[in-house]
């Protein structure tokens, strides 16, 4: 059985990110999620499963994930103060 990532430093190896780098990446990802959310809400983007439109579930999920990670980042920032 092969490992998912090589043992030696390779393309999957990354140094730990600083809290500031994590926040910066989250802001970028958050903007992408909010853009997707807007597309679902306007109907410009739809998600289907077995020919059923499941976009409303996707909207709820995206909102929940944004809120959860915002809270995680806020707790991290509070610990740094």
PDB file of N, CA and C in Angstrom:
ATOM      1  N   UNK A   1       0.846  -1.182   0.000  1.00  0.00           N
ATOM      2  CA  UNK A   1       0.000   0.000   0.000  1.00  0.00           C
ATOM      3  C   UNK A   1       0.890   1.243   0.000  1.00  0.00           C
ATOM      4  N   UNK A   2       0.612   2.186  -0.861  1.00  0.00           N
ATOM      5  CA  UNK A   2       1.416   3.402  -0.968  1.00  0.00           C
ATOM      6  C   UNK A   2       0.894   4.488  -0.043  1.00  0.00           C
ATOM      7  N   UNK A   3       1.816   5.272   0.466  1.00  0.00           N
ATOM      8  CA  UNK A   3       1.444   6.401   1.316  1.00  0.00           C
ATOM      9  C   UNK A   3       0.905   7.529   0.438  1.00  0.00           C
ATOM     10  N   UNK A   4       0.038   8.348   0.995  1.00  0.00           N
ATOM     11  CA  UNK A   4      -0.513   9.461   0.236  1.00  0.00           C
ATOM     12  C   UNK A   4       0.520  10.539  -0.039  1.00  0.00           C
ATOM     13  N   UNK A   5       1.414  10.755   0.893  1.00  0.00           N
ATOM     14  CA  UNK A   5       2.446  11.770   0.724  1.00  0.00           C
ATOM     15  C   UNK A   5       3.805  11.119   0.918  1.00  0.00           C
ATOM     16  N   UNK A   6       4.786  11.527   0.133  1.00  0.00           N
ATOM     17  CA  UNK A   6       6.117  10.923   0.273  1.00  0.00           C
ATOM     18  C   UNK A   6       6.738  11.258   1.624  1.00  0.00           C
ATOM     19  N   UNK A   7       7.610  10.348   2.110  1.00  0.00           N
ATOM     20  CA  UNK A   7       8.290  10.583   3.387  1.00  0.00           C
ATOM     21  C   UNK A   7       9.281  11.735   3.283  1.00  0.00           C
ATOM     22  N   UNK A   8       9.989  11.796   2.183  1.00  0.00           N
ATOM     23  CA  UNK A   8      10.976  12.864   1.994  1.00  0.00           C
ATOM     24  C   UNK A   8      10.251  14.164   1.654  1.00  0.00           C
ATOM     25  N   UNK A   9      10.931  15.275   1.908  1.00  0.00           N
ATOM     26  CA  UNK A   9      10.348  16.574   1.566  1.00  0.00           C
ATOM     27  C   UNK A   9      10.069  16.578   0.067  1.00  0.00           C
ATOM     28  N   UNK A  10       8.878  16.866  -0.282  1.00  0.00           N
ATOM     29  CA  UNK A  10       8.488  16.851  -1.678  1.00  0.00           C
ATOM     30  C   UNK A  10       7.365  17.837  -1.905  1.00  0.00           C
ATOM     31  N   UNK A  11       6.593  17.645  -2.963  1.00  0.00           N
ATOM     32  CA  UNK A  11       5.558  18.619  -3.291  1.00  0.00           C
ATOM     33  C   UNK A  11       4.459  18.727  -2.238  1.00  0.00           C
ATOM     34  N   UNK A  12       4.290  17.696  -1.393  1.00  0.00           N
ATOM     35  CA  UNK A  12       3.237  17.742  -0.387  1.00  0.00           C
ATOM     36  C   UNK A  12       3.724  18.323   0.939  1.00  0.00           C
ATOM     37  N   UNK A  13       5.022  18.530   1.061  1.00  0.00           N
ATOM     38  CA  UNK A  13       5.595  19.012   2.316  1.00  0.00           C
ATOM     39  C   UNK A  13       5.506  20.534   2.362  1.00  0.00           C
ATOM     40  N   UNK A  14       4.949  21.045   3.456  1.00  0.00           N
ATOM     41  CA  UNK A  14       4.875  22.487   3.664  1.00  0.00           C
ATOM     42  C   UNK A  14       5.274  22.791   5.090  1.00  0.00           C
ATOM     43  N   UNK A  15       5.901  23.908   5.260  1.00  0.00           N
ATOM     44  CA  UNK A  15       6.210  24.353   6.607  1.00  0.00           C
ATOM     45  C   UNK A  15       4.917  24.836   7.243  1.00  0.00           C
ATOM     46  N   UNK A  16       4.860  24.772   8.570  1.00  0.00           N
ATOM     47  CA  UNK A  16       3.665  25.280   9.251  1.00  0.00           C
ATOM     48  C   UNK A  16       3.503  26.757   8.941  1.00  0.00           C
ATOM     49  N   UNK A  17       2.276  27.140   8.742  1.00  0.00           N
ATOM     50  CA  UNK A  17       1.989  28.532   8.454  1.00  0.00           C
ATOM     51  C   UNK A  17       1.855  29.320   9.754  1.00  0.00           C
ATOM     52  N   UNK A  18       2.190  30.572   9.664  1.00  0.00           N
ATOM     53  CA  UNK A  18       2.011  31.439  10.822  1.00  0.00           C
ATOM     54  C   UNK A  18       0.528  31.775  10.944  1.00  0.00           C
ATOM     55  N   UNK A  19       0.096  32.207  12.126  1.00  0.00           N
ATOM     56  CA  UNK A  19      -1.306  32.608  12.267  1.00  0.00           C
ATOM     57  C   UNK A  19      -1.711  33.696  11.261  1.00  0.00           C
ATOM     58  N   UNK A  20      -0.807  34.622  10.977  1.00  0.00           N
ATOM     59  CA  UNK A  20      -1.121  35.675  10.010  1.00  0.00           C
ATOM     60  C   UNK A  20      -1.322  35.087   8.607  1.00  0.00           C
ATOM     61  N   UNK A  21      -0.515  34.103   8.237  1.00  0.00           N
ATOM     62  CA  UNK A  21      -0.667  33.457   6.927  1.00  0.00           C
ATOM     63  C   UNK A  21      -1.973  32.673   6.845  1.00  0.00           C
ATOM     64  N   UNK A  22      -2.337  32.035   7.936  1.00  0.00           N
ATOM     65  CA  UNK A  22      -3.595  31.293   7.970  1.00  0.00           C
ATOM     66  C   UNK A  22      -4.770  32.249   7.812  1.00  0.00           C
ATOM     67  N   UNK A  23      -4.728  33.376   8.512  1.00  0.00           N
ATOM     68  CA  UNK A  23      -5.803  34.367   8.395  1.00  0.00           C
ATOM     69  C   UNK A  23      -5.889  34.923   6.976  1.00  0.00           C
ATOM     70  N   UNK A  24      -4.729  35.179   6.378  1.00  0.00           N
ATOM     71  CA  UNK A  24      -4.706  35.701   5.010  1.00  0.00           C
ATOM     72  C   UNK A  24      -5.323  34.696   4.035  1.00  0.00           C
ATOM     73  N   UNK A  25      -4.943  33.424   4.193  1.00  0.00           N
ATOM     74  CA  UNK A  25      -5.509  32.405   3.324  1.00  0.00           C
ATOM     75  C   UNK A  25      -7.009  32.285   3.567  1.00  0.00           C
ATOM     76  N   UNK A  26      -7.452  32.347   4.832  1.00  0.00           N
ATOM     77  CA  UNK A  26      -8.874  32.251   5.123  1.00  0.00           C
ATOM     78  C   UNK A  26      -9.643  33.390   4.467  1.00  0.00           C
ATOM     79  N   UNK A  27      -9.098  34.600   4.497  1.00  0.00           N
ATOM     80  CA  UNK A  27      -9.802  35.728   3.873  1.00  0.00           C
ATOM     81  C   UNK A  27     -10.023  35.460   2.384  1.00  0.00           C
ATOM     82  N   UNK A  28      -9.016  34.909   1.724  1.00  0.00           N
ATOM     83  CA  UNK A  28      -9.123  34.575   0.307  1.00  0.00           C
ATOM     84  C   UNK A  28     -10.194  33.495   0.090  1.00  0.00           C
ATOM     85  N   UNK A  29     -10.130  32.424   0.875  1.00  0.00           N
ATOM     86  CA  UNK A  29     -11.094  31.335   0.741  1.00  0.00           C
ATOM     87  C   UNK A  29     -12.507  31.795   1.098  1.00  0.00           C
ATOM     88  N   UNK A  30     -12.592  32.661   2.101  1.00  0.00           N
ATOM     89  CA  UNK A  30     -13.894  33.189   2.525  1.00  0.00           C
ATOM     90  C   UNK A  30     -14.531  33.966   1.381  1.00  0.00           C
ATOM     91  N   UNK A  31     -13.734  34.791   0.700  1.00  0.00           N
ATOM     92  CA  UNK A  31     -14.252  35.544  -0.448  1.00  0.00           C
ATOM     93  C   UNK A  31     -14.767  34.606  -1.536  1.00  0.00           C
ATOM     94  N   UNK A  32     -14.036  33.499  -1.781  1.00  0.00           N
ATOM     95  CA  UNK A  32     -14.490  32.524  -2.775  1.00  0.00           C
ATOM     96  C   UNK A  32     -15.817  31.896  -2.352  1.00  0.00           C
ATOM     97  N   UNK A  33     -15.927  31.528  -1.074  1.00  0.00           N
ATOM     98  CA  UNK A  33     -17.160  30.929  -0.574  1.00  0.00           C
ATOM     99  C   UNK A  33     -18.337  31.903  -0.666  1.00  0.00           C
ATOM    100  N   UNK A  34     -18.097  33.156  -0.320  1.00  0.00           N
ATOM    101  CA  UNK A  34     -19.161  34.161  -0.382  1.00  0.00           C
ATOM    102  C   UNK A  34     -19.595  34.377  -1.828  1.00  0.00           C
ATOM    103  N   UNK A  35     -18.641  34.350  -2.762  1.00  0.00           N
ATOM    104  CA  UNK A  35     -18.974  34.465  -4.179  1.00  0.00           C
ATOM    105  C   UNK A  35     -19.849  33.287  -4.620  1.00  0.00           C
ATOM    106  N   UNK A  36     -19.457  32.077  -4.205  1.00  0.00           N
ATOM    107  CA  UNK A  36     -20.264  30.895  -4.523  1.00  0.00           C
ATOM    108  C   UNK A  36     -21.657  31.005  -3.905  1.00  0.00           C
ATOM    109  N   UNK A  37     -21.705  31.439  -2.676  1.00  0.00           N
ATOM    110  CA  UNK A  37     -22.983  31.591  -1.983  1.00  0.00           C
ATOM    111  C   UNK A  37     -23.896  32.532  -2.754  1.00  0.00           C
ATOM    112  N   UNK A  38     -23.348  33.653  -3.191  1.00  0.00           N
ATOM    113  CA  UNK A  38     -24.132  34.606  -3.977  1.00  0.00           C
ATOM    114  C   UNK A  38     -24.667  33.990  -5.257  1.00  0.00           C
ATOM    115  N   UNK A  39     -23.860  33.157  -5.893  1.00  0.00           N
ATOM    116  CA  UNK A  39     -24.305  32.502  -7.129  1.00  0.00           C
ATOM    117  C   UNK A  39     -25.426  31.503  -6.860  1.00  0.00           C
ATOM    118  N   UNK A  40     -25.321  30.772  -5.750  1.00  0.00           N
ATOM    119  CA  UNK A  40     -26.400  29.854  -5.391  1.00  0.00           C
ATOM    120  C   UNK A  40     -27.681  30.630  -5.093  1.00  0.00           C
ATOM    121  N   UNK A  41     -27.548  31.721  -4.340  1.00  0.00           N
ATOM    122  CA  UNK A  41     -28.731  32.476  -3.928  1.00  0.00           C
ATOM    123  C   UNK A  41     -29.440  33.135  -5.108  1.00  0.00           C
ATOM    124  N   UNK A  42     -28.681  33.557  -6.135  1.00  0.00           N
ATOM    125  CA  UNK A  42     -29.308  34.175  -7.311  1.00  0.00           C
ATOM    126  C   UNK A  42     -29.784  33.143  -8.322  1.00  0.00           C
ATOM    127  N   UNK A  43     -29.377  31.904  -8.146  1.00  0.00           N
ATOM    128  CA  UNK A  43     -29.751  30.861  -9.094  1.00  0.00           C
ATOM    129  C   UNK A  43     -28.778  30.727 -10.250  1.00  0.00           C
ATOM    130  N   UNK A  44     -27.719  31.548 -10.278  1.00  0.00           N
ATOM    131  CA  UNK A  44     -26.727  31.457 -11.350  1.00  0.00           C
ATOM    132  C   UNK A  44     -25.963  30.137 -11.290  1.00  0.00           C
ATOM    133  N   UNK A  45     -25.891  29.563 -10.108  1.00  0.00           N
ATOM    134  CA  UNK A  45     -25.224  28.273  -9.940  1.00  0.00           C
ATOM    135  C   UNK A  45     -26.186  27.372  -9.166  1.00  0.00           C
ATOM    136  N   UNK A  46     -26.275  26.147  -9.632  1.00  0.00           N
ATOM    137  CA  UNK A  46     -27.143  25.183  -8.961  1.00  0.00           C
ATOM    138  C   UNK A  46     -26.385  23.879  -8.773  1.00  0.00           C
ATOM    139  N   UNK A  47     -26.738  23.179  -7.726  1.00  0.00           N
ATOM    140  CA  UNK A  47     -26.148  21.875  -7.463  1.00  0.00           C
ATOM    141  C   UNK A  47     -27.263  20.837  -7.552  1.00  0.00           C
ATOM    142  N   UNK A  48     -27.006  19.801  -8.328  1.00  0.00           N
ATOM    143  CA  UNK A  48     -28.007  18.752  -8.518  1.00  0.00           C
ATOM    144  C   UNK A  48     -27.441  17.413  -8.069  1.00  0.00           C
ATOM    145  N   UNK A  49     -28.288  16.609  -7.499  1.00  0.00           N
ATOM    146  CA  UNK A  49     -27.955  15.245  -7.111  1.00  0.00           C
ATOM    147  C   UNK A  49     -29.131  14.371  -7.515  1.00  0.00           C
ATOM    148  N   UNK A  50     -28.877  13.367  -8.325  1.00  0.00           N
ATOM    149  CA  UNK A  50     -29.954  12.518  -8.850  1.00  0.00           C
ATOM    150  C   UNK A  50     -31.072  13.372  -9.444  1.00  0.00           C
ATOM    151  N   UNK A  51     -30.674  14.373 -10.216  1.00  0.00           N
ATOM    152  CA  UNK A  51     -31.587  15.280 -10.927  1.00  0.00           C
ATOM    153  C   UNK A  51     -32.403  16.169 -10.002  1.00  0.00           C
ATOM    154  N   UNK A  52     -32.107  16.174  -8.723  1.00  0.00           N
ATOM    155  CA  UNK A  52     -32.808  17.040  -7.776  1.00  0.00           C
ATOM    156  C   UNK A  52     -31.918  18.228  -7.438  1.00  0.00           C
ATOM    157  N   UNK A  53     -32.481  19.425  -7.474  1.00  0.00           N
ATOM    158  CA  UNK A  53     -31.745  20.632  -7.140  1.00  0.00           C
ATOM    159  C   UNK A  53     -31.513  20.659  -5.627  1.00  0.00           C
ATOM    160  N   UNK A  54     -30.272  20.586  -5.210  1.00  0.00           N
ATOM    161  CA  UNK A  54     -29.943  20.590  -3.780  1.00  0.00           C
ATOM    162  C   UNK A  54     -29.237  21.887  -3.382  1.00  0.00           C
ATOM    163  N   UNK A  55     -29.445  22.944  -4.170  1.00  0.00           N
ATOM    164  CA  UNK A  55     -28.775  24.221  -3.932  1.00  0.00           C
ATOM    165  C   UNK A  55     -29.096  24.810  -2.565  1.00  0.00           C
ATOM    166  N   UNK A  56     -30.338  24.664  -2.092  1.00  0.00           N
ATOM    167  CA  UNK A  56     -30.688  25.247  -0.795  1.00  0.00           C
ATOM    168  C   UNK A  56     -29.845  24.622   0.312  1.00  0.00           C
ATOM    169  N   UNK A  57     -29.584  23.322   0.223  1.00  0.00           N
ATOM    170  CA  UNK A  57     -28.704  22.663   1.192  1.00  0.00           C
ATOM    171  C   UNK A  57     -27.276  23.167   1.085  1.00  0.00           C
ATOM    172  N   UNK A  58     -26.839  23.440  -0.142  1.00  0.00           N
ATOM    173  CA  UNK A  58     -25.490  23.967  -0.338  1.00  0.00           C
ATOM    174  C   UNK A  58     -25.359  25.353   0.276  1.00  0.00           C
ATOM    175  N   UNK A  59     -26.402  26.165   0.147  1.00  0.00           N
ATOM    176  CA  UNK A  59     -26.394  27.512   0.737  1.00  0.00           C
ATOM    177  C   UNK A  59     -26.250  27.415   2.252  1.00  0.00           C
ATOM    178  N   UNK A  60     -27.028  26.563   2.868  1.00  0.00           N
ATOM    179  CA  UNK A  60     -26.963  26.376   4.323  1.00  0.00           C
ATOM    180  C   UNK A  60     -25.575  25.902   4.735  1.00  0.00           C
ATOM    181  N   UNK A  61     -25.017  24.949   3.996  1.00  0.00           N
ATOM    182  CA  UNK A  61     -23.711  24.397   4.322  1.00  0.00           C
ATOM    183  C   UNK A  61     -22.612  25.456   4.208  1.00  0.00           C
ATOM    184  N   UNK A  62     -22.633  26.239   3.123  1.00  0.00           N
ATOM    185  CA  UNK A  62     -21.611  27.274   2.935  1.00  0.00           C
ATOM    186  C   UNK A  62     -21.695  28.308   4.049  1.00  0.00           C
ATOM    187  N   UNK A  63     -22.900  28.750   4.373  1.00  0.00           N
ATOM    188  CA  UNK A  63     -23.058  29.726   5.460  1.00  0.00           C
ATOM    189  C   UNK A  63     -22.527  29.169   6.778  1.00  0.00           C
ATOM    190  N   UNK A  64     -22.840  27.903   7.057  1.00  0.00           N
ATOM    191  CA  UNK A  64     -22.381  27.286   8.307  1.00  0.00           C
ATOM    192  C   UNK A  64     -20.866  27.207   8.354  1.00  0.00           C
ATOM    193  N   UNK A  65     -20.249  26.798   7.253  1.00  0.00           N
ATOM    194  CA  UNK A  65     -18.794  26.671   7.233  1.00  0.00           C
ATOM    195  C   UNK A  65     -18.100  28.030   7.372  1.00  0.00           C
ATOM    196  N   UNK A  66     -18.641  29.039   6.750  1.00  0.00           N
ATOM    197  CA  UNK A  66     -18.069  30.381   6.888  1.00  0.00           C
ATOM    198  C   UNK A  66     -18.139  30.817   8.353  1.00  0.00           C
ATOM    199  N   UNK A  67     -19.303  30.647   8.963  1.00  0.00           N
ATOM    200  CA  UNK A  67     -19.488  31.055  10.362  1.00  0.00           C
ATOM    201  C   UNK A  67     -18.542  30.291  11.292  1.00  0.00           C
ATOM    202  N   UNK A  68     -18.456  28.967  11.106  1.00  0.00           N
ATOM    203  CA  UNK A  68     -17.590  28.151  11.959  1.00  0.00           C
ATOM    204  C   UNK A  68     -16.133  28.576  11.844  1.00  0.00           C
ATOM    205  N   UNK A  69     -15.673  28.812  10.628  1.00  0.00           N
ATOM    206  CA  UNK A  69     -14.265  29.164  10.494  1.00  0.00           C
ATOM    207  C   UNK A  69     -14.002  30.589  10.946  1.00  0.00           C
ATOM    208  N   UNK A  70     -14.952  31.493  10.752  1.00  0.00           N
ATOM    209  CA  UNK A  70     -14.808  32.843  11.299  1.00  0.00           C
ATOM    210  C   UNK A  70     -14.626  32.784  12.809  1.00  0.00           C
ATOM    211  N   UNK A  71     -15.404  31.931  13.468  1.00  0.00           N
ATOM    212  CA  UNK A  71     -15.293  31.782  14.920  1.00  0.00           C
ATOM    213  C   UNK A  71     -13.936  31.196  15.313  1.00  0.00           C
ATOM    214  N   UNK A  72     -13.457  30.241  14.551  1.00  0.00           N
ATOM    215  CA  UNK A  72     -12.149  29.652  14.812  1.00  0.00           C
ATOM    216  C   UNK A  72     -11.042  30.689  14.689  1.00  0.00           C
ATOM    217  N   UNK A  73     -11.090  31.492  13.653  1.00  0.00           N
ATOM    218  CA  UNK A  73     -10.092  32.554  13.456  1.00  0.00           C
ATOM    219  C   UNK A  73     -10.187  33.571  14.590  1.00  0.00           C
ATOM    220  N   UNK A  74     -11.394  33.937  14.996  1.00  0.00           N
ATOM    221  CA  UNK A  74     -11.565  34.907  16.090  1.00  0.00           C
ATOM    222  C   UNK A  74     -10.970  34.372  17.389  1.00  0.00           C
ATOM    223  N   UNK A  75     -11.178  33.086  17.687  1.00  0.00           N
ATOM    224  CA  UNK A  75     -10.578  32.500  18.902  1.00  0.00           C
ATOM    225  C   UNK A  75      -9.059  32.515  18.816  1.00  0.00           C
ATOM    226  N   UNK A  76      -8.527  32.235  17.651  1.00  0.00           N
ATOM    227  CA  UNK A  76      -7.080  32.241  17.449  1.00  0.00           C
ATOM    228  C   UNK A  76      -6.524  33.648  17.662  1.00  0.00           C
ATOM    229  N   UNK A  77      -7.210  34.643  17.116  1.00  0.00           N
ATOM    230  CA  UNK A  77      -6.753  36.028  17.290  1.00  0.00           C
ATOM    231  C   UNK A  77      -6.819  36.449  18.754  1.00  0.00           C
ATOM    232  N   UNK A  78      -7.842  36.019  19.467  1.00  0.00           N
ATOM    233  CA  UNK A  78      -7.995  36.373  20.884  1.00  0.00           C
ATOM    234  C   UNK A  78      -6.851  35.782  21.705  1.00  0.00           C
ATOM    235  N   UNK A  79      -6.398  34.581  21.362  1.00  0.00           N
ATOM    236  CA  UNK A  79      -5.276  33.961  22.092  1.00  0.00           C
ATOM    237  C   UNK A  79      -3.977  34.714  21.858  1.00  0.00           C
ATOM    238  N   UNK A  80      -3.844  35.337  20.693  1.00  0.00           N
ATOM    239  CA  UNK A  80      -2.608  36.064  20.370  1.00  0.00           C
ATOM    240  C   UNK A  80      -2.506  37.392  21.099  1.00  0.00           C
ATOM    241  N   UNK A  81      -3.624  37.925  21.561  1.00  0.00           N
ATOM    242  CA  UNK A  81      -3.597  39.245  22.218  1.00  0.00           C
ATOM    243  C   UNK A  81      -3.027  39.169  23.602  1.00  0.00           C
TER     244      UNK A  81
END
